């Protein structure tokens, strides 16, 4: 006779669903906070997550939760992606940011600027109701 296995506890589900835009806003605040405190590795990942969630929030139809290629998401969300945004998305893509082992202040400054320019472009392409202030006091 087999002993009974312990059942894994499942996280409690809440009635409140976090909307993608709200999640993007929280990711932005967290990334900026990490950036200002000098935690560059974690800030880089948070900035990338912010861009991913922001793009997913602007996609119409179903987007798989495993879809994380930023260029593909931008193409799904918008008809045209300008060259400078495409270049910024290429740098922000996981294969580049996650394999980098040294996160210098210059690197994170570049990631911050790219994240901000991508967000400003996304905001310029979408409804005023889907925008928020990127300046955090």
C-alpha atoms as a PDB file:
ATOM      1  CA  UNK A   1       0.000   0.000   0.000  1.00  0.00           C
ATOM      2  CA  UNK A   2       1.340   3.418  -1.004  1.00  0.00           C
ATOM      3  CA  UNK A   3       1.480   6.170   1.544  1.00  0.00           C
ATOM      4  CA  UNK A   4      -0.690   9.125   0.745  1.00  0.00           C
ATOM      5  CA  UNK A   5       1.151  11.974  -0.864  1.00  0.00           C
ATOM      6  CA  UNK A   6       0.743  15.431   0.448  1.00  0.00           C
ATOM      7  CA  UNK A   7      -1.310  17.553  -1.863  1.00  0.00           C
ATOM      8  CA  UNK A   8       0.385  20.671  -3.071  1.00  0.00           C
ATOM      9  CA  UNK A   9      -1.386  23.721  -1.857  1.00  0.00           C
ATOM     10  CA  UNK A  10      -2.745  25.899  -4.619  1.00  0.00           C
ATOM     11  CA  UNK A  11      -2.525  29.648  -4.332  1.00  0.00           C
ATOM     12  CA  UNK A  12      -5.799  31.186  -3.352  1.00  0.00           C
ATOM     13  CA  UNK A  13      -7.592  32.771  -6.246  1.00  0.00           C
ATOM     14  CA  UNK A  14      -8.813  36.268  -5.735  1.00  0.00           C
ATOM     15  CA  UNK A  15     -11.825  37.904  -7.282  1.00  0.00           C
ATOM     16  CA  UNK A  16      -9.725  40.860  -8.326  1.00  0.00           C
ATOM     17  CA  UNK A  17      -8.079  40.290 -11.683  1.00  0.00           C
ATOM     18  CA  UNK A  18      -5.052  42.463 -12.299  1.00  0.00           C
ATOM     19  CA  UNK A  19      -5.512  44.205 -15.613  1.00  0.00           C
ATOM     20  CA  UNK A  20      -2.472  44.195 -17.903  1.00  0.00           C
ATOM     21  CA  UNK A  21      -2.199  47.982 -17.897  1.00  0.00           C
ATOM     22  CA  UNK A  22      -2.262  48.074 -14.088  1.00  0.00           C
ATOM     23  CA  UNK A  23       0.379  45.347 -14.019  1.00  0.00           C
ATOM     24  CA  UNK A  24       2.504  47.339 -16.490  1.00  0.00           C
ATOM     25  CA  UNK A  25       2.229  50.413 -14.278  1.00  0.00           C
ATOM     26  CA  UNK A  26       3.297  48.422 -11.207  1.00  0.00           C
ATOM     27  CA  UNK A  27       6.217  46.874 -13.137  1.00  0.00           C
ATOM     28  CA  UNK A  28       7.330  50.363 -14.210  1.00  0.00           C
ATOM     29  CA  UNK A  29       7.254  51.688 -10.630  1.00  0.00           C
ATOM     30  CA  UNK A  30       9.140  48.653  -9.349  1.00  0.00           C
ATOM     31  CA  UNK A  31      11.743  48.867 -12.140  1.00  0.00           C
ATOM     32  CA  UNK A  32      12.377  52.573 -11.512  1.00  0.00           C
ATOM     33  CA  UNK A  33      12.692  51.921  -7.777  1.00  0.00           C
ATOM     34  CA  UNK A  34      15.233  49.135  -8.375  1.00  0.00           C
ATOM     35  CA  UNK A  35      17.064  51.327 -10.901  1.00  0.00           C
ATOM     36  CA  UNK A  36      17.355  54.195  -8.421  1.00  0.00           C
ATOM     37  CA  UNK A  37      18.571  51.879  -5.657  1.00  0.00           C
ATOM     38  CA  UNK A  38      21.375  50.490  -7.845  1.00  0.00           C
ATOM     39  CA  UNK A  39      19.955  46.983  -8.222  1.00  0.00           C
ATOM     40  CA  UNK A  40      20.673  46.914 -11.944  1.00  0.00           C
ATOM     41  CA  UNK A  41      20.158  43.215 -12.655  1.00  0.00           C
ATOM     42  CA  UNK A  42      16.671  43.173 -11.146  1.00  0.00           C
ATOM     43  CA  UNK A  43      15.800  46.549 -12.677  1.00  0.00           C
ATOM     44  CA  UNK A  44      16.743  45.288 -16.148  1.00  0.00           C
ATOM     45  CA  UNK A  45      14.413  42.313 -15.799  1.00  0.00           C
ATOM     46  CA  UNK A  46      11.594  44.524 -14.470  1.00  0.00           C
ATOM     47  CA  UNK A  47      11.965  46.999 -17.348  1.00  0.00           C
ATOM     48  CA  UNK A  48      11.779  44.102 -19.804  1.00  0.00           C
ATOM     49  CA  UNK A  49       8.699  42.714 -18.047  1.00  0.00           C
ATOM     50  CA  UNK A  50       7.136  46.184 -18.154  1.00  0.00           C
ATOM     51  CA  UNK A  51       7.582  46.415 -21.932  1.00  0.00           C
ATOM     52  CA  UNK A  52       6.221  42.880 -22.414  1.00  0.00           C
ATOM     53  CA  UNK A  53       3.089  43.514 -20.334  1.00  0.00           C
ATOM     54  CA  UNK A  54       2.523  46.922 -21.947  1.00  0.00           C
ATOM     55  CA  UNK A  55       2.664  45.385 -25.425  1.00  0.00           C
ATOM     56  CA  UNK A  56       0.371  42.510 -24.394  1.00  0.00           C
ATOM     57  CA  UNK A  57      -2.113  45.047 -23.023  1.00  0.00           C
ATOM     58  CA  UNK A  58      -2.315  46.580 -26.498  1.00  0.00           C
ATOM     59  CA  UNK A  59      -2.730  43.311 -28.421  1.00  0.00           C
ATOM     60  CA  UNK A  60      -6.165  42.392 -29.671  1.00  0.00           C
ATOM     61  CA  UNK A  61      -7.305  38.804 -29.407  1.00  0.00           C
ATOM     62  CA  UNK A  62      -5.607  35.959 -27.611  1.00  0.00           C
ATOM     63  CA  UNK A  63      -1.943  36.233 -26.670  1.00  0.00           C
ATOM     64  CA  UNK A  64      -0.333  33.226 -25.030  1.00  0.00           C
ATOM     65  CA  UNK A  65       1.151  33.808 -21.609  1.00  0.00           C
ATOM     66  CA  UNK A  66       4.323  32.135 -22.907  1.00  0.00           C
ATOM     67  CA  UNK A  67       4.695  34.638 -25.765  1.00  0.00           C
ATOM     68  CA  UNK A  68       7.573  36.870 -24.737  1.00  0.00           C
ATOM     69  CA  UNK A  69       9.247  37.980 -27.970  1.00  0.00           C
ATOM     70  CA  UNK A  70       8.872  41.744 -27.800  1.00  0.00           C
ATOM     71  CA  UNK A  71       9.108  42.289 -31.554  1.00  0.00           C
ATOM     72  CA  UNK A  72       6.365  39.708 -32.211  1.00  0.00           C
ATOM     73  CA  UNK A  73       4.169  41.303 -29.557  1.00  0.00           C
ATOM     74  CA  UNK A  74       4.695  44.773 -31.047  1.00  0.00           C
ATOM     75  CA  UNK A  75       3.769  43.455 -34.499  1.00  0.00           C
ATOM     76  CA  UNK A  76       0.602  41.863 -33.079  1.00  0.00           C
ATOM     77  CA  UNK A  77      -0.355  45.059 -31.268  1.00  0.00           C
ATOM     78  CA  UNK A  78       0.383  47.614 -33.993  1.00  0.00           C
ATOM     79  CA  UNK A  79       0.341  47.717 -37.793  1.00  0.00           C
ATOM     80  CA  UNK A  80       3.739  49.346 -38.160  1.00  0.00           C
ATOM     81  CA  UNK A  81       6.726  49.301 -35.835  1.00  0.00           C
ATOM     82  CA  UNK A  82       9.260  52.072 -36.565  1.00  0.00           C
ATOM     83  CA  UNK A  83      12.910  51.092 -37.041  1.00  0.00           C
ATOM     84  CA  UNK A  84      14.135  52.838 -33.866  1.00  0.00           C
ATOM     85  CA  UNK A  85      11.462  51.082 -31.763  1.00  0.00           C
ATOM     86  CA  UNK A  86      12.285  47.742 -33.411  1.00  0.00           C
ATOM     87  CA  UNK A  87      15.968  48.294 -32.546  1.00  0.00           C
ATOM     88  CA  UNK A  88      15.092  49.104 -28.908  1.00  0.00           C
ATOM     89  CA  UNK A  89      12.862  46.013 -28.706  1.00  0.00           C
ATOM     90  CA  UNK A  90      15.705  43.857 -30.042  1.00  0.00           C
ATOM     91  CA  UNK A  91      17.955  45.011 -27.189  1.00  0.00           C
ATOM     92  CA  UNK A  92      15.155  44.526 -24.643  1.00  0.00           C
ATOM     93  CA  UNK A  93      14.304  40.987 -25.820  1.00  0.00           C
ATOM     94  CA  UNK A  94      14.988  38.237 -23.251  1.00  0.00           C
ATOM     95  CA  UNK A  95      17.760  36.547 -25.223  1.00  0.00           C
ATOM     96  CA  UNK A  96      19.837  39.719 -24.904  1.00  0.00           C
ATOM     97  CA  UNK A  97      18.983  41.081 -21.457  1.00  0.00           C
ATOM     98  CA  UNK A  98      18.841  37.759 -19.603  1.00  0.00           C
ATOM     99  CA  UNK A  99      22.194  36.405 -20.785  1.00  0.00           C
ATOM    100  CA  UNK A 100      24.096  39.581 -20.019  1.00  0.00           C
ATOM    101  CA  UNK A 101      26.150  38.964 -16.897  1.00  0.00           C
ATOM    102  CA  UNK A 102      27.405  42.452 -16.082  1.00  0.00           C
ATOM    103  CA  UNK A 103      24.764  45.096 -15.524  1.00  0.00           C
ATOM    104  CA  UNK A 104      26.675  48.353 -15.457  1.00  0.00           C
ATOM    105  CA  UNK A 105      25.171  51.776 -14.733  1.00  0.00           C
ATOM    106  CA  UNK A 106      25.625  52.653 -18.437  1.00  0.00           C
ATOM    107  CA  UNK A 107      23.765  49.491 -19.518  1.00  0.00           C
ATOM    108  CA  UNK A 108      20.818  50.092 -17.200  1.00  0.00           C
ATOM    109  CA  UNK A 109      20.683  53.767 -18.238  1.00  0.00           C
ATOM    110  CA  UNK A 110      20.318  52.568 -21.830  1.00  0.00           C
ATOM    111  CA  UNK A 111      17.639  50.013 -20.859  1.00  0.00           C
ATOM    112  CA  UNK A 112      15.734  52.708 -18.920  1.00  0.00           C
ATOM    113  CA  UNK A 113      15.805  55.102 -21.896  1.00  0.00           C
ATOM    114  CA  UNK A 114      14.753  52.360 -24.323  1.00  0.00           C
ATOM    115  CA  UNK A 115      11.879  51.287 -22.043  1.00  0.00           C
ATOM    116  CA  UNK A 116      10.697  54.860 -21.739  1.00  0.00           C
ATOM    117  CA  UNK A 117      10.880  55.526 -25.494  1.00  0.00           C
ATOM    118  CA  UNK A 118       9.002  52.281 -26.246  1.00  0.00           C
ATOM    119  CA  UNK A 119       6.311  53.216 -23.707  1.00  0.00           C
ATOM    120  CA  UNK A 120       5.968  56.722 -25.145  1.00  0.00           C
ATOM    121  CA  UNK A 121       5.601  55.251 -28.642  1.00  0.00           C
ATOM    122  CA  UNK A 122       2.989  52.729 -27.426  1.00  0.00           C
ATOM    123  CA  UNK A 123       1.092  55.541 -25.680  1.00  0.00           C
ATOM    124  CA  UNK A 124       1.153  57.629 -28.868  1.00  0.00           C
ATOM    125  CA  UNK A 125      -0.461  54.715 -30.752  1.00  0.00           C
ATOM    126  CA  UNK A 126      -3.190  53.948 -28.230  1.00  0.00           C
ATOM    127  CA  UNK A 127      -6.150  55.500 -26.469  1.00  0.00           C
ATOM    128  CA  UNK A 128      -5.540  58.216 -23.856  1.00  0.00           C
ATOM    129  CA  UNK A 129      -7.358  55.930 -21.392  1.00  0.00           C
ATOM    130  CA  UNK A 130      -4.568  53.362 -21.665  1.00  0.00           C
ATOM    131  CA  UNK A 131      -1.780  55.739 -20.708  1.00  0.00           C
ATOM    132  CA  UNK A 132      -0.139  56.662 -17.434  1.00  0.00           C
ATOM    133  CA  UNK A 133       2.543  59.062 -16.287  1.00  0.00           C
ATOM    134  CA  UNK A 134       6.059  57.653 -16.578  1.00  0.00           C
ATOM    135  CA  UNK A 135       7.501  60.280 -14.235  1.00  0.00           C
ATOM    136  CA  UNK A 136       7.670  58.871 -10.723  1.00  0.00           C
ATOM    137  CA  UNK A 137       8.235  61.303  -7.878  1.00  0.00           C
END
